[in-house]
N, C-alpha and C. Protein backbone atom coordinates (compact mmCIF):
# COMPACT_ATOMS: atom_id res chain seq x y z
N MET A 1 -7.01 -5.31 42.01
CA MET A 1 -7.83 -5.92 40.98
C MET A 1 -8.22 -7.31 41.46
N SER A 2 -9.47 -7.64 41.31
CA SER A 2 -9.95 -8.96 41.77
C SER A 2 -9.40 -10.06 40.88
N LYS A 3 -9.38 -11.24 41.47
CA LYS A 3 -8.85 -12.41 40.72
C LYS A 3 -9.70 -12.69 39.50
N LEU A 4 -11.03 -12.56 39.63
CA LEU A 4 -11.95 -12.82 38.53
C LEU A 4 -11.69 -11.81 37.37
N LEU A 5 -11.54 -10.55 37.73
CA LEU A 5 -11.27 -9.51 36.72
C LEU A 5 -9.92 -9.75 36.04
N HIS A 6 -8.96 -10.17 36.86
CA HIS A 6 -7.63 -10.50 36.31
C HIS A 6 -7.74 -11.63 35.27
N HIS A 7 -8.46 -12.66 35.57
CA HIS A 7 -8.63 -13.79 34.62
C HIS A 7 -9.37 -13.36 33.37
N GLU A 8 -10.41 -12.54 33.54
CA GLU A 8 -11.17 -12.05 32.38
C GLU A 8 -10.29 -11.20 31.47
N LEU A 9 -9.48 -10.37 32.10
CA LEU A 9 -8.59 -9.52 31.30
C LEU A 9 -7.54 -10.35 30.55
N GLU A 10 -7.00 -11.37 31.21
CA GLU A 10 -6.06 -12.25 30.53
C GLU A 10 -6.71 -13.00 29.37
N ALA A 11 -7.91 -13.47 29.61
CA ALA A 11 -8.61 -14.17 28.52
C ALA A 11 -8.91 -13.23 27.36
N ALA A 12 -9.29 -12.01 27.65
CA ALA A 12 -9.56 -11.02 26.62
C ALA A 12 -8.28 -10.70 25.86
N LEU A 13 -7.17 -10.58 26.57
CA LEU A 13 -5.90 -10.29 25.91
C LEU A 13 -5.46 -11.45 25.02
N ASP A 14 -5.65 -12.66 25.49
CA ASP A 14 -5.38 -13.85 24.64
C ASP A 14 -6.20 -13.78 23.35
N ALA A 15 -7.46 -13.47 23.47
CA ALA A 15 -8.35 -13.43 22.33
C ALA A 15 -7.91 -12.31 21.36
N VAL A 16 -7.53 -11.17 21.87
CA VAL A 16 -7.10 -10.06 21.02
C VAL A 16 -5.83 -10.44 20.25
N VAL A 17 -4.89 -11.05 20.94
CA VAL A 17 -3.64 -11.43 20.28
C VAL A 17 -3.91 -12.52 19.23
N GLU A 18 -4.83 -13.42 19.50
CA GLU A 18 -5.20 -14.42 18.49
C GLU A 18 -5.87 -13.74 17.29
N ASP A 19 -6.75 -12.75 17.55
CA ASP A 19 -7.39 -12.01 16.47
C ASP A 19 -6.34 -11.23 15.66
N LEU A 20 -5.32 -10.70 16.32
CA LEU A 20 -4.23 -10.02 15.62
C LEU A 20 -3.49 -10.98 14.71
N HIS A 21 -3.23 -12.18 15.23
CA HIS A 21 -2.53 -13.17 14.41
C HIS A 21 -3.37 -13.56 13.20
N ARG A 22 -4.65 -13.76 13.41
CA ARG A 22 -5.55 -14.13 12.31
C ARG A 22 -5.59 -13.00 11.27
N ALA A 23 -5.73 -11.77 11.70
CA ALA A 23 -5.82 -10.62 10.78
C ALA A 23 -4.50 -10.44 10.02
N ALA A 24 -3.37 -10.64 10.70
CA ALA A 24 -2.05 -10.52 10.02
C ALA A 24 -1.91 -11.60 8.96
N THR A 25 -2.38 -12.82 9.29
CA THR A 25 -2.31 -13.92 8.33
C THR A 25 -3.21 -13.65 7.12
N GLU A 26 -4.37 -13.10 7.37
CA GLU A 26 -5.28 -12.74 6.28
C GLU A 26 -4.67 -11.62 5.44
N LEU A 27 -3.98 -10.69 6.07
CA LEU A 27 -3.33 -9.60 5.35
C LEU A 27 -2.25 -10.17 4.43
N SER A 28 -1.52 -11.15 4.92
CA SER A 28 -0.50 -11.82 4.11
C SER A 28 -1.15 -12.42 2.86
N ALA A 29 -2.26 -13.10 3.03
CA ALA A 29 -2.97 -13.71 1.90
C ALA A 29 -3.48 -12.63 0.94
N ALA A 30 -3.93 -11.51 1.49
CA ALA A 30 -4.42 -10.40 0.62
C ALA A 30 -3.28 -9.84 -0.19
N LEU A 31 -2.10 -9.78 0.40
CA LEU A 31 -0.93 -9.27 -0.34
C LEU A 31 -0.48 -10.23 -1.43
N VAL A 32 -0.62 -11.52 -1.19
CA VAL A 32 -0.33 -12.51 -2.22
C VAL A 32 -1.33 -12.37 -3.37
N ALA A 33 -2.59 -12.17 -3.02
CA ALA A 33 -3.61 -11.96 -4.06
C ALA A 33 -3.37 -10.68 -4.83
N GLU A 34 -2.92 -9.64 -4.13
CA GLU A 34 -2.60 -8.38 -4.80
C GLU A 34 -1.44 -8.58 -5.80
N ARG A 35 -0.43 -9.32 -5.38
CA ARG A 35 0.70 -9.60 -6.26
C ARG A 35 0.24 -10.38 -7.52
N GLU A 36 -0.58 -11.36 -7.30
CA GLU A 36 -1.08 -12.16 -8.43
C GLU A 36 -1.91 -11.29 -9.38
N ALA A 37 -2.70 -10.39 -8.82
CA ALA A 37 -3.50 -9.48 -9.63
C ALA A 37 -2.60 -8.53 -10.42
N LEU A 38 -1.51 -8.07 -9.77
CA LEU A 38 -0.60 -7.17 -10.47
C LEU A 38 0.12 -7.89 -11.60
N VAL A 39 0.58 -9.07 -11.34
CA VAL A 39 1.28 -9.83 -12.39
C VAL A 39 0.35 -10.21 -13.51
N GLY A 40 -0.89 -10.56 -13.17
CA GLY A 40 -1.89 -10.93 -14.18
C GLY A 40 -2.62 -9.75 -14.81
N ALA A 41 -2.30 -8.53 -14.37
CA ALA A 41 -2.97 -7.31 -14.85
C ALA A 41 -4.50 -7.43 -14.73
N ASP A 42 -4.96 -7.98 -13.62
CA ASP A 42 -6.37 -8.16 -13.35
C ASP A 42 -6.86 -7.03 -12.48
N ALA A 43 -7.45 -6.03 -13.10
CA ALA A 43 -7.87 -4.83 -12.37
C ALA A 43 -8.92 -5.13 -11.32
N ALA A 44 -9.88 -5.99 -11.65
CA ALA A 44 -10.96 -6.30 -10.67
C ALA A 44 -10.38 -7.04 -9.45
N ALA A 45 -9.48 -7.98 -9.70
CA ALA A 45 -8.86 -8.70 -8.56
C ALA A 45 -7.96 -7.76 -7.75
N LEU A 46 -7.30 -6.83 -8.43
CA LEU A 46 -6.46 -5.85 -7.76
C LEU A 46 -7.29 -4.96 -6.85
N ASP A 47 -8.45 -4.55 -7.34
CA ASP A 47 -9.36 -3.70 -6.56
C ASP A 47 -9.84 -4.47 -5.34
N ARG A 48 -10.21 -5.71 -5.50
CA ARG A 48 -10.67 -6.53 -4.37
C ARG A 48 -9.57 -6.72 -3.33
N ALA A 49 -8.39 -7.03 -3.82
CA ALA A 49 -7.25 -7.25 -2.91
C ALA A 49 -6.91 -5.95 -2.15
N GLY A 50 -6.96 -4.83 -2.85
CA GLY A 50 -6.66 -3.54 -2.23
C GLY A 50 -7.69 -3.19 -1.18
N THR A 51 -8.96 -3.44 -1.48
CA THR A 51 -10.02 -3.16 -0.49
C THR A 51 -9.86 -4.04 0.73
N ARG A 52 -9.56 -5.32 0.49
CA ARG A 52 -9.36 -6.25 1.60
C ARG A 52 -8.14 -5.85 2.43
N LYS A 53 -7.08 -5.43 1.76
CA LYS A 53 -5.86 -5.02 2.45
C LYS A 53 -6.14 -3.83 3.34
N GLN A 54 -6.87 -2.85 2.86
CA GLN A 54 -7.21 -1.65 3.65
C GLN A 54 -8.04 -2.03 4.85
N ALA A 55 -9.03 -2.91 4.68
CA ALA A 55 -9.89 -3.31 5.80
C ALA A 55 -9.06 -4.04 6.85
N LEU A 56 -8.15 -4.88 6.43
CA LEU A 56 -7.34 -5.63 7.39
C LEU A 56 -6.36 -4.74 8.11
N MET A 57 -5.82 -3.75 7.43
CA MET A 57 -4.92 -2.79 8.07
C MET A 57 -5.66 -2.04 9.18
N GLN A 58 -6.85 -1.63 8.87
CA GLN A 58 -7.66 -0.93 9.88
C GLN A 58 -7.98 -1.84 11.05
N ARG A 59 -8.33 -3.09 10.76
CA ARG A 59 -8.62 -4.06 11.81
C ARG A 59 -7.39 -4.28 12.70
N LEU A 60 -6.23 -4.42 12.12
CA LEU A 60 -4.99 -4.59 12.85
C LEU A 60 -4.73 -3.40 13.78
N GLU A 61 -4.96 -2.20 13.27
CA GLU A 61 -4.79 -1.00 14.10
C GLU A 61 -5.74 -0.99 15.28
N GLU A 62 -7.00 -1.34 15.05
CA GLU A 62 -8.00 -1.39 16.12
C GLU A 62 -7.64 -2.42 17.16
N LEU A 63 -7.25 -3.61 16.72
CA LEU A 63 -6.92 -4.68 17.64
C LEU A 63 -5.65 -4.34 18.45
N ASP A 64 -4.68 -3.70 17.81
CA ASP A 64 -3.47 -3.36 18.55
C ASP A 64 -3.78 -2.29 19.61
N ALA A 65 -4.63 -1.34 19.26
CA ALA A 65 -5.00 -0.32 20.25
C ALA A 65 -5.70 -0.98 21.45
N GLU A 66 -6.51 -1.97 21.16
CA GLU A 66 -7.21 -2.71 22.23
C GLU A 66 -6.18 -3.48 23.09
N ARG A 67 -5.21 -4.08 22.45
CA ARG A 67 -4.15 -4.82 23.18
C ARG A 67 -3.36 -3.88 24.07
N VAL A 68 -3.01 -2.70 23.55
CA VAL A 68 -2.26 -1.72 24.36
C VAL A 68 -3.05 -1.29 25.56
N GLN A 69 -4.34 -1.02 25.37
CA GLN A 69 -5.21 -0.63 26.49
C GLN A 69 -5.23 -1.72 27.56
N MET A 70 -5.35 -2.96 27.14
CA MET A 70 -5.40 -4.06 28.12
C MET A 70 -4.08 -4.15 28.87
N LEU A 71 -2.99 -3.97 28.16
CA LEU A 71 -1.69 -4.06 28.81
C LEU A 71 -1.45 -2.90 29.81
N LYS A 72 -2.11 -1.78 29.57
CA LYS A 72 -2.04 -0.67 30.52
C LYS A 72 -2.75 -1.05 31.81
N LEU A 73 -3.84 -1.78 31.67
CA LEU A 73 -4.60 -2.21 32.86
C LEU A 73 -3.90 -3.35 33.59
N GLU A 74 -3.25 -4.21 32.82
CA GLU A 74 -2.59 -5.38 33.40
C GLU A 74 -1.24 -5.63 32.73
N PRO A 75 -0.23 -4.81 33.10
CA PRO A 75 1.09 -4.92 32.44
C PRO A 75 1.76 -6.27 32.52
N ASN A 76 1.50 -6.98 33.60
CA ASN A 76 2.11 -8.30 33.80
C ASN A 76 1.58 -9.33 32.83
N ALA A 77 0.49 -9.08 32.16
CA ALA A 77 -0.09 -10.01 31.25
C ALA A 77 0.69 -10.12 29.96
N ALA A 78 1.59 -9.16 29.69
CA ALA A 78 2.36 -9.20 28.46
C ALA A 78 3.17 -10.46 28.34
N ALA A 79 3.72 -10.94 29.42
CA ALA A 79 4.54 -12.16 29.40
C ALA A 79 3.70 -13.35 28.97
N ARG A 80 2.44 -13.34 29.30
CA ARG A 80 1.53 -14.43 28.98
C ARG A 80 1.37 -14.62 27.45
N THR A 81 1.35 -13.53 26.72
CA THR A 81 1.13 -13.58 25.28
C THR A 81 2.37 -13.28 24.46
N GLU A 82 3.51 -13.19 25.12
CA GLU A 82 4.76 -12.79 24.44
C GLU A 82 5.11 -13.65 23.21
N SER A 83 4.99 -14.94 23.37
CA SER A 83 5.36 -15.85 22.29
C SER A 83 4.48 -15.66 21.06
N ARG A 84 3.16 -15.58 21.28
CA ARG A 84 2.22 -15.41 20.19
C ARG A 84 2.40 -14.01 19.59
N TRP A 85 2.64 -13.01 20.42
CA TRP A 85 2.88 -11.66 19.93
C TRP A 85 4.09 -11.60 19.00
N ARG A 86 5.16 -12.31 19.33
CA ARG A 86 6.34 -12.36 18.46
C ARG A 86 5.97 -12.98 17.11
N GLU A 87 5.09 -13.98 17.11
CA GLU A 87 4.65 -14.59 15.86
C GLU A 87 3.84 -13.58 15.04
N VAL A 88 3.00 -12.80 15.71
CA VAL A 88 2.24 -11.75 15.01
C VAL A 88 3.20 -10.76 14.35
N LEU A 89 4.20 -10.33 15.12
CA LEU A 89 5.18 -9.36 14.56
C LEU A 89 5.94 -9.95 13.38
N GLU A 90 6.23 -11.23 13.43
CA GLU A 90 6.95 -11.87 12.31
C GLU A 90 6.07 -11.89 11.05
N VAL A 91 4.80 -12.22 11.22
CA VAL A 91 3.86 -12.21 10.07
C VAL A 91 3.75 -10.80 9.52
N ILE A 92 3.69 -9.82 10.39
CA ILE A 92 3.57 -8.41 9.94
C ILE A 92 4.82 -7.97 9.22
N ARG A 93 5.99 -8.38 9.68
CA ARG A 93 7.24 -8.06 8.97
C ARG A 93 7.22 -8.66 7.54
N GLY A 94 6.74 -9.89 7.42
CA GLY A 94 6.60 -10.49 6.08
C GLY A 94 5.63 -9.72 5.22
N CYS A 95 4.56 -9.25 5.83
CA CYS A 95 3.58 -8.43 5.10
C CYS A 95 4.20 -7.12 4.61
N GLN A 96 5.02 -6.53 5.46
CA GLN A 96 5.67 -5.27 5.09
C GLN A 96 6.59 -5.52 3.87
N GLU A 97 7.34 -6.60 3.90
CA GLU A 97 8.21 -6.92 2.76
C GLU A 97 7.41 -7.16 1.48
N MET A 98 6.32 -7.93 1.59
CA MET A 98 5.49 -8.19 0.42
C MET A 98 4.88 -6.90 -0.10
N ASN A 99 4.44 -6.03 0.79
CA ASN A 99 3.83 -4.76 0.37
C ASN A 99 4.88 -3.91 -0.35
N GLN A 100 6.10 -3.91 0.11
CA GLN A 100 7.16 -3.14 -0.56
C GLN A 100 7.44 -3.71 -1.95
N ARG A 101 7.48 -5.05 -2.06
CA ARG A 101 7.67 -5.66 -3.39
C ARG A 101 6.52 -5.34 -4.33
N ASN A 102 5.31 -5.37 -3.81
CA ASN A 102 4.14 -5.06 -4.63
C ASN A 102 4.19 -3.58 -5.07
N GLY A 103 4.59 -2.73 -4.15
CA GLY A 103 4.73 -1.30 -4.50
C GLY A 103 5.77 -1.08 -5.57
N SER A 104 6.87 -1.81 -5.50
CA SER A 104 7.90 -1.71 -6.56
C SER A 104 7.37 -2.12 -7.88
N LEU A 105 6.60 -3.20 -7.91
CA LEU A 105 6.00 -3.67 -9.14
C LEU A 105 5.02 -2.64 -9.71
N VAL A 106 4.22 -2.03 -8.84
CA VAL A 106 3.30 -0.98 -9.26
C VAL A 106 4.08 0.18 -9.88
N ASN A 107 5.16 0.58 -9.24
CA ASN A 107 5.97 1.71 -9.74
C ASN A 107 6.59 1.39 -11.11
N GLN A 108 7.05 0.16 -11.27
CA GLN A 108 7.62 -0.27 -12.55
C GLN A 108 6.56 -0.22 -13.67
N ARG A 109 5.40 -0.77 -13.35
CA ARG A 109 4.32 -0.76 -14.35
C ARG A 109 3.86 0.66 -14.66
N LEU A 110 3.76 1.48 -13.65
CA LEU A 110 3.37 2.88 -13.87
C LEU A 110 4.37 3.62 -14.77
N ALA A 111 5.65 3.41 -14.52
CA ALA A 111 6.66 4.03 -15.36
C ALA A 111 6.56 3.56 -16.81
N GLN A 112 6.30 2.25 -16.99
CA GLN A 112 6.18 1.72 -18.33
C GLN A 112 4.95 2.31 -19.05
N VAL A 113 3.86 2.40 -18.33
CA VAL A 113 2.65 2.99 -18.94
C VAL A 113 2.86 4.46 -19.28
N ARG A 114 3.48 5.20 -18.39
CA ARG A 114 3.72 6.61 -18.67
C ARG A 114 4.62 6.82 -19.88
N GLU A 115 5.65 5.96 -19.95
CA GLU A 115 6.56 6.08 -21.10
C GLU A 115 5.85 5.73 -22.40
N ALA A 116 5.04 4.67 -22.36
CA ALA A 116 4.29 4.28 -23.57
C ALA A 116 3.36 5.37 -23.98
N LEU A 117 2.63 5.96 -23.03
CA LEU A 117 1.70 7.05 -23.36
C LEU A 117 2.42 8.26 -23.90
N ALA A 118 3.58 8.56 -23.34
CA ALA A 118 4.34 9.71 -23.85
C ALA A 118 4.79 9.46 -25.28
N VAL A 119 5.26 8.28 -25.57
CA VAL A 119 5.68 7.95 -26.93
C VAL A 119 4.50 7.99 -27.89
N LEU A 120 3.39 7.39 -27.47
CA LEU A 120 2.22 7.37 -28.33
C LEU A 120 1.63 8.75 -28.57
N SER A 121 1.71 9.60 -27.58
CA SER A 121 1.14 10.93 -27.73
C SER A 121 2.10 11.92 -28.38
N GLY A 122 3.33 11.45 -28.58
CA GLY A 122 4.32 12.34 -29.21
C GLY A 122 4.91 13.35 -28.25
N GLN A 123 4.74 13.12 -26.99
CA GLN A 123 5.26 14.02 -25.98
C GLN A 123 6.68 13.68 -25.54
N GLY A 124 7.26 12.68 -26.11
CA GLY A 124 8.63 12.37 -25.80
C GLY A 124 8.78 11.06 -25.08
N GLY A 125 8.62 11.07 -23.78
CA GLY A 125 8.86 9.85 -23.01
C GLY A 125 10.33 9.75 -22.70
N ASP A 126 10.88 8.58 -22.68
CA ASP A 126 12.30 8.38 -22.42
C ASP A 126 13.02 8.59 -23.76
N VAL A 127 13.55 9.81 -24.00
CA VAL A 127 14.14 10.17 -25.28
C VAL A 127 15.34 9.32 -25.61
N ARG A 128 15.99 8.71 -24.64
CA ARG A 128 17.14 7.86 -24.91
C ARG A 128 16.73 6.60 -25.69
N SER A 129 15.45 6.24 -25.64
CA SER A 129 15.02 5.00 -26.30
C SER A 129 14.32 5.27 -27.62
N VAL A 130 14.23 6.54 -28.04
CA VAL A 130 13.57 6.84 -29.31
C VAL A 130 14.61 7.41 -30.26
N TYR A 131 14.88 6.70 -31.35
CA TYR A 131 15.91 7.12 -32.28
C TYR A 131 15.31 7.32 -33.68
N GLY A 132 15.92 8.21 -34.42
CA GLY A 132 15.51 8.45 -35.81
C GLY A 132 16.17 7.48 -36.76
N PRO A 133 15.87 7.58 -38.08
CA PRO A 133 16.44 6.63 -39.05
C PRO A 133 17.97 6.72 -39.13
N GLY A 134 18.54 7.85 -38.82
CA GLY A 134 20.00 8.01 -38.87
C GLY A 134 20.67 7.70 -37.56
N GLY A 135 19.92 7.25 -36.56
CA GLY A 135 20.46 6.90 -35.26
C GLY A 135 20.46 8.06 -34.28
N GLU A 136 19.96 9.24 -34.73
CA GLU A 136 19.94 10.40 -33.81
C GLU A 136 18.78 10.26 -32.83
N VAL A 137 18.97 10.84 -31.65
CA VAL A 137 17.91 10.82 -30.65
C VAL A 137 16.87 11.85 -31.02
N ARG A 138 15.61 11.44 -31.00
CA ARG A 138 14.50 12.36 -31.30
C ARG A 138 13.88 12.83 -30.00
N THR A 139 13.78 14.15 -29.86
CA THR A 139 13.24 14.71 -28.63
C THR A 139 11.81 15.23 -28.85
N ALA A 140 11.41 15.49 -30.06
CA ALA A 140 10.06 15.98 -30.33
C ALA A 140 9.47 15.16 -31.46
N LEU A 141 8.74 14.11 -31.11
CA LEU A 141 8.25 13.19 -32.14
C LEU A 141 7.26 13.83 -33.12
N ARG A 142 6.46 14.77 -32.65
CA ARG A 142 5.43 15.34 -33.49
C ARG A 142 6.01 16.23 -34.60
N SER A 143 7.20 16.73 -34.41
CA SER A 143 7.74 17.65 -35.41
C SER A 143 8.41 16.94 -36.58
N HIS A 144 8.43 15.62 -36.63
CA HIS A 144 9.07 14.91 -37.70
C HIS A 144 8.05 14.49 -38.76
N HIS A 145 8.46 14.59 -39.98
CA HIS A 145 7.63 14.22 -41.12
C HIS A 145 7.56 12.67 -41.18
N LEU A 146 6.35 12.13 -41.14
CA LEU A 146 6.19 10.68 -41.12
C LEU A 146 6.06 10.10 -42.52
N ALA A 147 5.36 10.82 -43.45
CA ALA A 147 5.17 10.25 -44.77
C ALA A 147 4.71 11.35 -45.72
N SER A 148 4.84 11.09 -47.02
CA SER A 148 4.32 12.06 -47.98
C SER A 148 3.67 11.27 -49.08
N ALA A 149 2.72 11.93 -49.75
CA ALA A 149 1.98 11.25 -50.81
C ALA A 149 2.21 11.89 -52.12
């Protein structure tokens, strides 16, 4: 491989790793925005954050594939970007943790909504939390007499 090609490949690898770092940092910000939207029950902001998160995930995958291809052509160049690559991985680990916390929040909210809908529709829900006037657990809300005139 010529010296010029070697330098061009190293410069391209540096640029790709920098782009990876930038995209990972943007993903972190998108996950923070997603969390804020979840906490604030802001559906429009949640949709925007989710769309941004998906686009950044795709971008990260594309950039990493490009990085891997470059390293196949010039394996010794890995040492050149090792420090910055470790920073990228650290940001991505933080993103993974944030994404898991956001997912847990989504699952909690979903369970609450399902339970509320079940209670409102008379389909039951969490029967342990629905009691009759005598303290008995009610399993079929629709079958109970609510009032008489």
